[in-house]
N, C-alpha and C. Protein backbone atom coordinates (compact mmCIF):
# COMPACT_ATOMS: atom_id res chain seq x y z
N ALA A 1 17.09 7.89 -4.11
CA ALA A 1 15.65 7.69 -4.01
C ALA A 1 15.36 6.20 -3.81
N ALA A 2 14.35 5.93 -3.03
CA ALA A 2 13.97 4.54 -2.72
C ALA A 2 13.41 3.85 -3.96
N SER A 3 13.73 2.57 -4.10
CA SER A 3 13.22 1.79 -5.23
C SER A 3 11.90 1.11 -4.87
N HIS A 4 11.37 1.44 -3.71
CA HIS A 4 10.13 0.82 -3.26
C HIS A 4 9.19 1.88 -2.68
N VAL A 5 7.94 1.50 -2.54
CA VAL A 5 6.95 2.36 -1.89
C VAL A 5 6.19 1.51 -0.88
N LEU A 6 5.87 2.12 0.25
CA LEU A 6 5.07 1.47 1.29
C LEU A 6 3.67 2.08 1.27
N ILE A 7 2.67 1.25 1.04
CA ILE A 7 1.28 1.70 1.07
C ILE A 7 0.68 1.22 2.38
N ASP A 8 0.35 2.14 3.26
CA ASP A 8 -0.23 1.84 4.57
C ASP A 8 -1.74 1.91 4.42
N VAL A 9 -2.43 0.78 4.60
CA VAL A 9 -3.87 0.71 4.35
C VAL A 9 -4.72 0.84 5.62
N ARG A 10 -4.11 1.32 6.70
CA ARG A 10 -4.88 1.55 7.92
C ARG A 10 -5.68 2.85 7.78
N GLU A 11 -6.66 3.02 8.67
CA GLU A 11 -7.43 4.25 8.70
C GLU A 11 -6.52 5.44 8.98
N LYS A 12 -6.93 6.63 8.52
CA LYS A 12 -6.11 7.83 8.68
C LYS A 12 -5.75 8.10 10.13
N LEU A 13 -6.69 7.91 11.05
CA LEU A 13 -6.42 8.15 12.47
C LEU A 13 -5.27 7.27 12.96
N GLN A 14 -5.29 5.99 12.60
CA GLN A 14 -4.21 5.08 12.99
C GLN A 14 -2.90 5.50 12.34
N TYR A 15 -2.96 5.88 11.08
CA TYR A 15 -1.77 6.33 10.37
C TYR A 15 -1.18 7.58 11.02
N ASP A 16 -2.06 8.51 11.39
CA ASP A 16 -1.59 9.75 12.00
C ASP A 16 -0.93 9.52 13.36
N ILE A 17 -1.38 8.51 14.09
CA ILE A 17 -0.80 8.20 15.39
C ILE A 17 0.63 7.68 15.23
N CYS A 18 0.83 6.80 14.27
CA CYS A 18 2.15 6.19 14.07
C CYS A 18 2.21 5.58 12.67
N HIS A 19 3.25 5.92 11.92
CA HIS A 19 3.44 5.32 10.60
C HIS A 19 4.93 5.29 10.25
N LEU A 20 5.25 4.46 9.30
CA LEU A 20 6.64 4.36 8.84
C LEU A 20 6.98 5.56 7.96
N PRO A 21 8.14 6.15 8.14
CA PRO A 21 8.53 7.31 7.33
C PRO A 21 8.49 6.97 5.84
N GLY A 22 7.94 7.88 5.07
CA GLY A 22 7.88 7.70 3.63
C GLY A 22 6.70 6.88 3.14
N SER A 23 5.91 6.33 4.04
CA SER A 23 4.76 5.53 3.61
C SER A 23 3.64 6.44 3.13
N VAL A 24 2.76 5.87 2.30
CA VAL A 24 1.62 6.59 1.75
C VAL A 24 0.37 5.96 2.34
N ASN A 25 -0.53 6.78 2.86
CA ASN A 25 -1.75 6.27 3.48
C ASN A 25 -2.90 6.23 2.48
N ILE A 26 -3.34 5.02 2.15
CA ILE A 26 -4.54 4.81 1.35
C ILE A 26 -5.35 3.75 2.08
N PRO A 27 -6.35 4.15 2.88
CA PRO A 27 -7.13 3.19 3.65
C PRO A 27 -7.71 2.07 2.78
N VAL A 28 -7.76 0.87 3.33
CA VAL A 28 -8.17 -0.31 2.58
C VAL A 28 -9.52 -0.12 1.88
N GLN A 29 -10.43 0.61 2.49
CA GLN A 29 -11.74 0.82 1.89
C GLN A 29 -11.68 1.71 0.65
N ARG A 30 -10.58 2.45 0.47
CA ARG A 30 -10.44 3.36 -0.66
C ARG A 30 -9.51 2.86 -1.75
N VAL A 31 -8.89 1.72 -1.57
CA VAL A 31 -7.88 1.26 -2.53
C VAL A 31 -8.42 1.21 -3.95
N ALA A 32 -9.57 0.59 -4.14
CA ALA A 32 -10.12 0.43 -5.49
C ALA A 32 -10.49 1.77 -6.13
N GLN A 33 -10.80 2.78 -5.33
CA GLN A 33 -11.17 4.09 -5.85
C GLN A 33 -9.97 5.04 -5.97
N SER A 34 -8.79 4.58 -5.62
CA SER A 34 -7.61 5.45 -5.55
C SER A 34 -6.58 5.14 -6.61
N ILE A 35 -7.03 4.84 -7.81
CA ILE A 35 -6.11 4.43 -8.87
C ILE A 35 -5.07 5.51 -9.16
N SER A 36 -5.50 6.77 -9.30
CA SER A 36 -4.53 7.82 -9.63
C SER A 36 -3.55 8.06 -8.48
N GLU A 37 -4.03 7.95 -7.25
CA GLU A 37 -3.14 8.10 -6.09
C GLU A 37 -2.13 6.96 -6.04
N LEU A 38 -2.59 5.73 -6.34
CA LEU A 38 -1.69 4.58 -6.38
C LEU A 38 -0.66 4.73 -7.50
N GLU A 39 -1.12 5.17 -8.67
CA GLU A 39 -0.20 5.36 -9.79
C GLU A 39 0.89 6.37 -9.43
N ALA A 40 0.50 7.47 -8.80
CA ALA A 40 1.47 8.50 -8.42
C ALA A 40 2.45 7.96 -7.40
N ALA A 41 1.96 7.22 -6.40
CA ALA A 41 2.83 6.68 -5.36
C ALA A 41 3.79 5.63 -5.91
N CYS A 42 3.35 4.87 -6.90
CA CYS A 42 4.14 3.75 -7.42
C CYS A 42 4.99 4.09 -8.62
N GLU A 43 4.84 5.29 -9.16
CA GLU A 43 5.58 5.68 -10.36
C GLU A 43 7.09 5.58 -10.14
N GLY A 44 7.74 4.82 -11.01
CA GLY A 44 9.19 4.67 -10.96
C GLY A 44 9.70 3.73 -9.87
N LYS A 45 8.81 3.10 -9.14
CA LYS A 45 9.22 2.19 -8.06
C LYS A 45 9.28 0.76 -8.58
N GLU A 46 10.25 0.01 -8.12
CA GLU A 46 10.39 -1.38 -8.53
C GLU A 46 9.54 -2.31 -7.68
N GLU A 47 9.33 -1.93 -6.41
CA GLU A 47 8.59 -2.78 -5.50
C GLU A 47 7.55 -1.96 -4.75
N VAL A 48 6.40 -2.59 -4.53
CA VAL A 48 5.31 -1.98 -3.78
C VAL A 48 4.98 -2.91 -2.63
N TYR A 49 5.02 -2.38 -1.41
CA TYR A 49 4.69 -3.15 -0.22
C TYR A 49 3.44 -2.55 0.41
N VAL A 50 2.53 -3.42 0.81
CA VAL A 50 1.28 -2.99 1.43
C VAL A 50 1.31 -3.43 2.88
N LEU A 51 1.01 -2.51 3.79
CA LEU A 51 1.06 -2.87 5.20
C LEU A 51 -0.14 -2.34 5.97
N CYS A 52 -0.42 -3.00 7.07
CA CYS A 52 -1.43 -2.58 8.03
C CYS A 52 -0.92 -2.96 9.42
N ARG A 53 -1.77 -2.94 10.40
CA ARG A 53 -1.32 -3.21 11.77
C ARG A 53 -0.91 -4.67 11.97
N ARG A 54 -1.75 -5.61 11.53
CA ARG A 54 -1.47 -7.03 11.78
C ARG A 54 -1.30 -7.87 10.53
N GLY A 55 -1.52 -7.30 9.37
CA GLY A 55 -1.34 -8.04 8.12
C GLY A 55 -2.61 -8.55 7.49
N ILE A 56 -3.74 -8.42 8.17
CA ILE A 56 -5.01 -8.94 7.64
C ILE A 56 -5.52 -8.06 6.50
N PHE A 57 -5.63 -6.75 6.75
CA PHE A 57 -6.12 -5.84 5.72
C PHE A 57 -5.13 -5.71 4.58
N SER A 58 -3.85 -5.81 4.87
CA SER A 58 -2.86 -5.66 3.80
C SER A 58 -2.96 -6.81 2.80
N ASN A 59 -3.35 -7.99 3.25
CA ASN A 59 -3.52 -9.11 2.31
C ASN A 59 -4.65 -8.83 1.33
N SER A 60 -5.81 -8.36 1.83
CA SER A 60 -6.92 -8.07 0.92
C SER A 60 -6.61 -6.87 0.04
N ALA A 61 -5.95 -5.86 0.60
CA ALA A 61 -5.59 -4.68 -0.19
C ALA A 61 -4.57 -5.05 -1.26
N THR A 62 -3.66 -5.95 -0.95
CA THR A 62 -2.67 -6.39 -1.95
C THR A 62 -3.36 -7.03 -3.13
N ARG A 63 -4.38 -7.85 -2.87
CA ARG A 63 -5.14 -8.47 -3.97
C ARG A 63 -5.77 -7.39 -4.85
N GLU A 64 -6.31 -6.34 -4.24
CA GLU A 64 -6.91 -5.24 -5.02
C GLU A 64 -5.85 -4.50 -5.82
N VAL A 65 -4.71 -4.21 -5.19
CA VAL A 65 -3.64 -3.50 -5.89
C VAL A 65 -3.12 -4.34 -7.05
N LEU A 66 -2.98 -5.64 -6.84
CA LEU A 66 -2.52 -6.52 -7.93
C LEU A 66 -3.51 -6.51 -9.09
N ALA A 67 -4.79 -6.50 -8.79
CA ALA A 67 -5.80 -6.46 -9.85
C ALA A 67 -5.70 -5.14 -10.62
N LEU A 68 -5.51 -4.04 -9.89
CA LEU A 68 -5.36 -2.74 -10.55
C LEU A 68 -4.06 -2.66 -11.34
N ALA A 69 -3.01 -3.29 -10.85
CA ALA A 69 -1.71 -3.26 -11.51
C ALA A 69 -1.66 -4.14 -12.75
N ALA A 70 -2.62 -5.04 -12.87
CA ALA A 70 -2.62 -5.95 -14.01
C ALA A 70 -2.64 -5.20 -15.34
N GLY A 71 -3.16 -4.00 -15.32
CA GLY A 71 -3.19 -3.18 -16.52
C GLY A 71 -1.85 -2.53 -16.84
N GLY A 72 -0.85 -2.74 -15.99
CA GLY A 72 0.49 -2.22 -16.24
C GLY A 72 0.72 -0.80 -15.74
N ALA A 73 -0.22 -0.27 -14.96
CA ALA A 73 -0.09 1.10 -14.48
C ALA A 73 1.05 1.25 -13.46
N PHE A 74 1.27 0.21 -12.67
CA PHE A 74 2.33 0.25 -11.67
C PHE A 74 2.75 -1.15 -11.31
N SER A 75 3.78 -1.26 -10.49
CA SER A 75 4.38 -2.54 -10.14
C SER A 75 3.46 -3.42 -9.31
N PRO A 76 3.64 -4.74 -9.40
CA PRO A 76 2.90 -5.64 -8.52
C PRO A 76 3.23 -5.35 -7.06
N ALA A 77 2.32 -5.74 -6.18
CA ALA A 77 2.48 -5.44 -4.75
C ALA A 77 2.67 -6.71 -3.95
N SER A 78 3.28 -6.56 -2.77
CA SER A 78 3.46 -7.66 -1.82
C SER A 78 3.01 -7.19 -0.44
N PRO A 79 2.29 -8.07 0.30
CA PRO A 79 1.94 -7.68 1.66
C PRO A 79 3.17 -7.75 2.55
N LEU A 80 3.26 -6.85 3.50
CA LEU A 80 4.36 -6.87 4.46
C LEU A 80 3.98 -7.90 5.52
N SER A 81 4.70 -8.99 5.57
CA SER A 81 4.38 -10.12 6.43
C SER A 81 4.25 -9.71 7.89
N GLY A 82 3.13 -10.07 8.51
CA GLY A 82 2.92 -9.83 9.93
C GLY A 82 2.41 -8.46 10.27
N GLY A 83 2.35 -7.57 9.31
CA GLY A 83 1.85 -6.23 9.57
C GLY A 83 2.86 -5.35 10.29
N LYS A 84 2.42 -4.21 10.72
CA LYS A 84 3.28 -3.20 11.32
C LYS A 84 3.73 -3.56 12.72
N ILE A 85 2.94 -4.35 13.45
CA ILE A 85 3.29 -4.62 14.86
C ILE A 85 4.32 -5.73 15.01
N LYS A 86 4.68 -6.38 13.96
CA LYS A 86 5.65 -7.47 14.05
C LYS A 86 7.05 -6.94 14.11
């Protein structure tokens, strides 16, 4: 089993067109409201990576995930440098 989780914060339509295998789609606008979904995705994972197409939304989503993780519910997150198109 993977020791990491990929959180793809693009819109569902973009995710459905193309996404990395095993990634979880939580659109950036829903991150703050998706605590239970984030907890389930991150359970038992050592690393959490947040990605989007170019890296812009993943940076803001990472800040939100880090704030939510501060309570110890799941691991800290890192943005995937350059986004998915790099």
